[in-house]
Amino acid sequence: MKKVTLTKQIVFAGLTLWFAIMGCGLLTIPANEVRTESQSVSVDSATSASVQIEFPAGELKVQSGSSNLMDASFRYNVDEWQPQVNYSESGAQGELIVSQPGSDQLPSRGGLINEWKLLLTNDIPLDLSIRAGAGNNELNLGGLDLAALNIESGAGNTKVYLDGNWDHDVLASIKGGVGNLTVNLPAEMGVLVIMDTALVNVSANGLIVAENGYVNQAYGSAPYTFTLNLEVGVGSVTLVVPQQ
């Protein structure tokens, strides 16, 4: 019970801090009826894509499994927060941006509901960028064909699953604010975690301490390496490598 209460306090404090940093002044608007929408984005001639997700606060889930570039469902109760989906192609490169306007305001009566579930394709390489604010984020990315990955999270709880087996090197970056971050890393690829942490409690399961962070047992012998640059401010970090 104490742990749940503490988590709620961290998320609430993070919400306040996040909006203050954005300079919004915590303007309030009425919460409305819950709206549920879905959108799909198909690929025309692109053979790779840049995907940018801008999610200010709430509950975000991202995973593989779409037969399109993206299949998404949105659930929210502030009309001004209707998600915006923009996609374009330039030659063989696609660019997808999923964002939310009106994120500088909070409902005046509480009861915030803002939930996104995004399924992305695993058929083409993705340069994936996720910027998530305060709340709970579950990012199951191991099934995606990642060319590059950049994640920024605010306050709350973020779980990132990167336990894939890519046939090329992958460079990833995760920046966390205040809260709890869990990262599941590959076991068959070489893994190098470069740490830059401040007031952070780090737990590393299945990793070996290196000069500037951690490596797994396959590092240096596996043909490909997953390199993670990890920067976290305050909270806890759990790094996990599954047992082979």
Protein backbone atom coordinates (compact mmCIF):
# COMPACT_ATOMS: atom_id res chain seq x y z
CA MET A 1 0.00 0.00 0.00
CA LYS A 2 2.81 2.45 0.83
CA LYS A 3 4.50 1.71 -2.49
CA VAL A 4 1.31 2.46 -4.44
CA THR A 5 0.78 5.69 -2.54
CA LEU A 6 4.37 6.76 -3.16
CA THR A 7 4.03 6.05 -6.87
CA LYS A 8 0.88 8.17 -7.05
CA GLN A 9 2.66 10.97 -5.26
CA ILE A 10 5.59 10.78 -7.69
CA VAL A 11 3.27 10.86 -10.70
CA PHE A 12 1.26 13.79 -9.31
CA ALA A 13 4.40 15.72 -8.46
CA GLY A 14 5.80 14.94 -11.88
CA LEU A 15 2.65 16.19 -13.60
CA THR A 16 2.89 19.49 -11.75
CA LEU A 17 6.62 19.78 -12.47
CA TRP A 18 6.25 18.85 -16.12
CA PHE A 19 3.57 21.41 -16.85
CA ALA A 20 5.47 24.06 -14.90
CA ILE A 21 8.58 23.40 -16.97
CA MET A 22 6.52 23.77 -20.12
CA GLY A 23 5.54 27.23 -18.86
CA CYS A 24 1.85 26.60 -19.15
CA GLY A 25 0.76 27.94 -15.79
CA LEU A 26 -1.51 24.93 -15.16
CA LEU A 27 -4.48 26.38 -17.02
CA THR A 28 -7.64 24.36 -16.48
CA ILE A 29 -10.40 23.23 -18.81
CA PRO A 30 -13.44 21.02 -18.22
CA ALA A 31 -13.13 17.27 -18.57
CA ASN A 32 -15.66 15.93 -21.08
CA GLU A 33 -17.20 12.57 -21.91
CA VAL A 34 -14.74 9.82 -22.71
CA ARG A 35 -13.99 9.56 -26.42
CA THR A 36 -12.53 6.48 -28.11
CA GLU A 37 -10.97 6.67 -31.56
CA SER A 38 -8.83 4.51 -33.80
CA GLN A 39 -6.56 5.38 -36.70
CA SER A 40 -4.44 3.37 -39.13
CA VAL A 41 -1.57 4.52 -41.33
CA SER A 42 -0.54 2.42 -44.30
CA VAL A 43 2.77 2.44 -46.13
CA ASP A 44 2.76 3.42 -49.80
CA SER A 45 6.23 3.01 -51.29
CA ALA A 46 8.43 3.63 -48.24
CA THR A 47 10.98 0.98 -47.33
CA SER A 48 11.91 2.64 -44.01
CA ALA A 49 10.27 5.19 -41.75
CA SER A 50 10.88 7.76 -39.06
CA VAL A 51 8.26 7.54 -36.29
CA GLN A 52 7.91 10.33 -33.74
CA ILE A 53 5.52 9.96 -30.79
CA GLU A 54 4.79 13.01 -28.63
CA PHE A 55 2.72 11.97 -25.60
CA PRO A 56 2.36 14.56 -22.79
CA ALA A 57 0.75 12.59 -19.94
CA GLY A 58 -1.36 9.55 -19.15
CA GLU A 59 -0.92 5.90 -20.14
CA LEU A 60 1.08 5.01 -23.25
CA LYS A 61 1.55 1.55 -24.76
CA VAL A 62 3.66 0.88 -27.84
CA GLN A 63 4.31 -2.54 -29.37
CA SER A 64 4.86 -4.37 -32.65
CA GLY A 65 2.30 -6.35 -34.60
CA SER A 66 0.64 -3.96 -37.05
CA SER A 67 0.08 -5.02 -40.65
CA ASN A 68 0.15 -1.29 -41.46
CA LEU A 69 2.81 1.20 -40.48
CA MET A 70 0.64 1.94 -37.43
CA ASP A 71 -2.68 0.90 -35.93
CA ALA A 72 -3.64 3.11 -32.99
CA SER A 73 -6.43 3.43 -30.47
CA PHE A 74 -6.94 6.55 -28.34
CA ARG A 75 -9.09 7.10 -25.27
CA TYR A 76 -9.36 10.56 -23.68
CA ASN A 77 -11.83 12.88 -21.98
CA VAL A 78 -10.60 16.35 -22.92
CA ASP A 79 -11.80 17.38 -26.40
CA GLU A 80 -8.79 19.62 -26.98
CA TRP A 81 -6.53 16.58 -26.59
CA GLN A 82 -7.67 14.82 -29.76
CA PRO A 83 -4.51 13.13 -31.11
CA GLN A 84 -3.07 14.34 -34.40
CA VAL A 85 -1.62 11.82 -36.86
CA ASN A 86 0.46 13.08 -39.79
CA TYR A 87 2.21 10.88 -42.33
CA SER A 88 4.17 11.71 -45.47
CA GLU A 89 6.63 9.98 -47.77
CA SER A 90 9.67 11.29 -49.59
CA GLY A 91 10.95 8.65 -51.95
CA ALA A 92 11.58 5.47 -49.98
CA GLN A 93 11.46 7.24 -46.58
CA GLY A 94 8.25 7.67 -44.60
CA GLU A 95 7.70 10.10 -41.75
CA LEU A 96 5.00 9.55 -39.13
CA ILE A 97 4.27 12.04 -36.33
CA VAL A 98 1.70 11.27 -33.62
CA SER A 99 1.13 14.19 -31.27
CA GLN A 100 -1.45 15.83 -29.06
CA PRO A 101 -2.49 19.51 -29.00
CA GLY A 102 -3.83 21.27 -25.94
CA SER A 103 -1.32 19.58 -23.64
CA ASP A 104 -0.72 22.82 -21.74
CA GLN A 105 -4.00 22.52 -19.86
CA LEU A 106 -5.40 20.26 -17.14
CA PRO A 107 -9.04 19.28 -16.51
CA SER A 108 -10.57 21.59 -13.91
CA ARG A 109 -12.37 18.79 -12.03
CA GLY A 110 -9.72 16.09 -12.17
CA GLY A 111 -10.49 12.65 -13.59
CA LEU A 112 -7.86 12.82 -16.31
CA ILE A 113 -8.14 10.06 -18.91
CA ASN A 114 -5.58 9.94 -21.67
CA GLU A 115 -4.66 6.49 -23.01
CA TRP A 116 -2.84 5.62 -26.22
CA LYS A 117 -2.14 2.15 -27.60
CA LEU A 118 0.03 2.12 -30.71
CA LEU A 119 0.91 -0.95 -32.78
CA LEU A 120 3.81 -0.44 -35.20
CA THR A 121 5.01 -2.52 -38.12
CA ASN A 122 7.93 -4.88 -37.85
CA ASP A 123 8.23 -5.17 -41.65
CA ILE A 124 10.46 -2.13 -42.32
CA PRO A 125 13.29 -0.45 -40.35
CA LEU A 126 12.12 2.30 -37.99
CA ASP A 127 13.95 5.28 -36.60
CA LEU A 128 11.78 5.58 -33.49
CA SER A 129 11.54 8.58 -31.19
CA ILE A 130 9.22 8.59 -28.16
CA ARG A 131 8.76 11.58 -25.91
CA ALA A 132 6.45 10.76 -23.02
CA GLY A 133 5.55 13.02 -20.13
CA ALA A 134 4.13 12.04 -16.76
CA GLY A 135 2.28 8.77 -16.22
CA ASN A 136 2.75 5.10 -17.03
CA ASN A 137 4.54 3.98 -20.18
CA GLU A 138 4.86 0.40 -21.44
CA LEU A 139 7.06 0.14 -24.53
CA ASN A 140 7.36 -3.37 -26.01
CA LEU A 141 9.89 -2.70 -28.76
CA GLY A 142 11.74 -6.01 -29.06
CA GLY A 143 9.70 -7.11 -32.08
CA LEU A 144 10.39 -3.97 -34.12
CA ASP A 145 13.11 -3.58 -36.74
CA LEU A 146 14.85 -0.70 -34.99
CA ALA A 147 17.35 1.36 -36.94
CA ALA A 148 17.68 3.83 -34.05
CA LEU A 149 15.81 4.56 -30.83
CA ASN A 150 15.40 7.65 -28.70
CA ILE A 151 13.16 7.73 -25.60
CA GLU A 152 12.50 10.61 -23.22
CA SER A 153 10.22 10.03 -20.24
CA GLY A 154 9.01 12.36 -17.52
CA ALA A 155 7.65 11.40 -14.12
CA GLY A 156 6.06 8.07 -13.28
CA ASN A 157 6.76 4.51 -14.34
CA THR A 158 8.33 3.48 -17.64
CA LYS A 159 8.95 -0.09 -18.76
CA VAL A 160 10.96 -0.65 -21.93
CA TYR A 161 11.27 -4.11 -23.45
CA LEU A 162 14.24 -4.36 -25.83
CA ASP A 163 14.78 -8.11 -25.65
CA GLY A 164 15.00 -8.58 -29.41
CA ASN A 165 17.73 -10.08 -31.58
CA TRP A 166 18.63 -7.61 -34.33
CA ASP A 167 20.95 -8.61 -37.17
CA HIS A 168 22.69 -5.23 -37.08
CA ASP A 169 24.09 -2.85 -34.49
CA VAL A 170 21.51 -0.70 -32.69
CA LEU A 171 22.16 2.64 -30.98
CA ALA A 172 19.57 3.66 -28.40
CA SER A 173 19.16 6.55 -25.98
CA ILE A 174 16.88 6.75 -22.94
CA LYS A 175 16.50 9.88 -20.82
CA GLY A 176 14.37 9.63 -17.70
CA GLY A 177 13.13 12.30 -15.35
CA VAL A 178 11.57 11.41 -11.99
CA GLY A 179 10.27 7.92 -11.27
CA ASN A 180 10.92 4.26 -11.95
CA LEU A 181 12.52 2.95 -15.14
CA THR A 182 12.81 -0.73 -16.08
CA VAL A 183 14.71 -1.80 -19.21
CA ASN A 184 14.80 -5.38 -20.48
CA LEU A 185 17.84 -5.83 -22.73
CA PRO A 186 18.85 -8.41 -25.37
CA ALA A 187 20.61 -11.58 -24.30
CA GLU A 188 22.01 -12.91 -27.59
CA MET A 189 23.39 -9.59 -28.86
CA GLY A 190 26.25 -7.82 -27.20
CA VAL A 191 24.99 -5.12 -24.85
CA LEU A 192 26.80 -1.99 -23.72
CA VAL A 193 25.01 0.34 -21.29
CA ILE A 194 26.65 3.74 -20.84
CA MET A 195 25.34 5.32 -17.64
CA ASP A 196 24.84 8.94 -16.68
CA THR A 197 22.77 8.97 -13.51
CA ALA A 198 22.36 11.37 -10.62
CA LEU A 199 20.15 10.53 -7.62
CA VAL A 200 19.35 7.08 -8.93
CA ASN A 201 19.27 3.62 -7.42
CA VAL A 202 20.48 1.20 -10.12
CA SER A 203 19.83 -2.54 -10.15
CA ALA A 204 21.51 -4.55 -12.92
CA ASN A 205 20.49 -8.19 -13.33
CA GLY A 206 22.55 -10.35 -15.69
CA LEU A 207 25.04 -7.57 -16.45
CA ILE A 208 28.72 -7.07 -15.67
CA VAL A 209 30.09 -3.80 -14.33
CA ALA A 210 32.25 -2.03 -16.94
CA GLU A 211 34.34 1.13 -16.86
CA ASN A 212 31.50 3.45 -17.84
CA GLY A 213 28.46 1.32 -17.20
CA TYR A 214 27.54 -2.31 -17.83
CA VAL A 215 27.97 -5.06 -20.45
CA ASN A 216 26.38 -8.48 -20.86
CA GLN A 217 28.15 -11.79 -21.31
CA ALA A 218 27.81 -11.67 -25.10
CA TYR A 219 29.52 -8.28 -25.39
CA GLY A 220 32.72 -8.50 -27.41
CA SER A 221 31.94 -11.93 -28.88
CA ALA A 222 28.50 -11.45 -30.48
CA PRO A 223 28.57 -10.13 -34.06
CA TYR A 224 26.27 -7.20 -33.26
CA THR A 225 26.01 -4.80 -30.34
CA PHE A 226 23.10 -3.00 -28.74
CA THR A 227 24.46 0.25 -27.26
CA LEU A 228 22.27 2.11 -24.77
CA ASN A 229 23.07 5.60 -23.56
CA LEU A 230 21.13 5.96 -20.32
CA GLU A 231 20.59 9.27 -18.53
CA VAL A 232 18.27 9.45 -15.52
CA GLY A 233 17.73 12.21 -12.97
CA VAL A 234 15.92 10.98 -9.86
CA GLY A 235 14.34 7.63 -9.01
CA SER A 236 15.25 4.02 -9.68
CA VAL A 237 16.56 2.08 -12.68
CA THR A 238 16.31 -1.67 -13.16
CA LEU A 239 18.28 -3.27 -15.98
CA VAL A 240 17.47 -6.87 -16.86
CA VAL A 241 19.06 -9.32 -19.30
CA PRO A 242 17.02 -12.54 -19.70
CA GLN A 243 18.78 -15.80 -18.93
CA GLN A 244 19.80 -17.73 -22.05
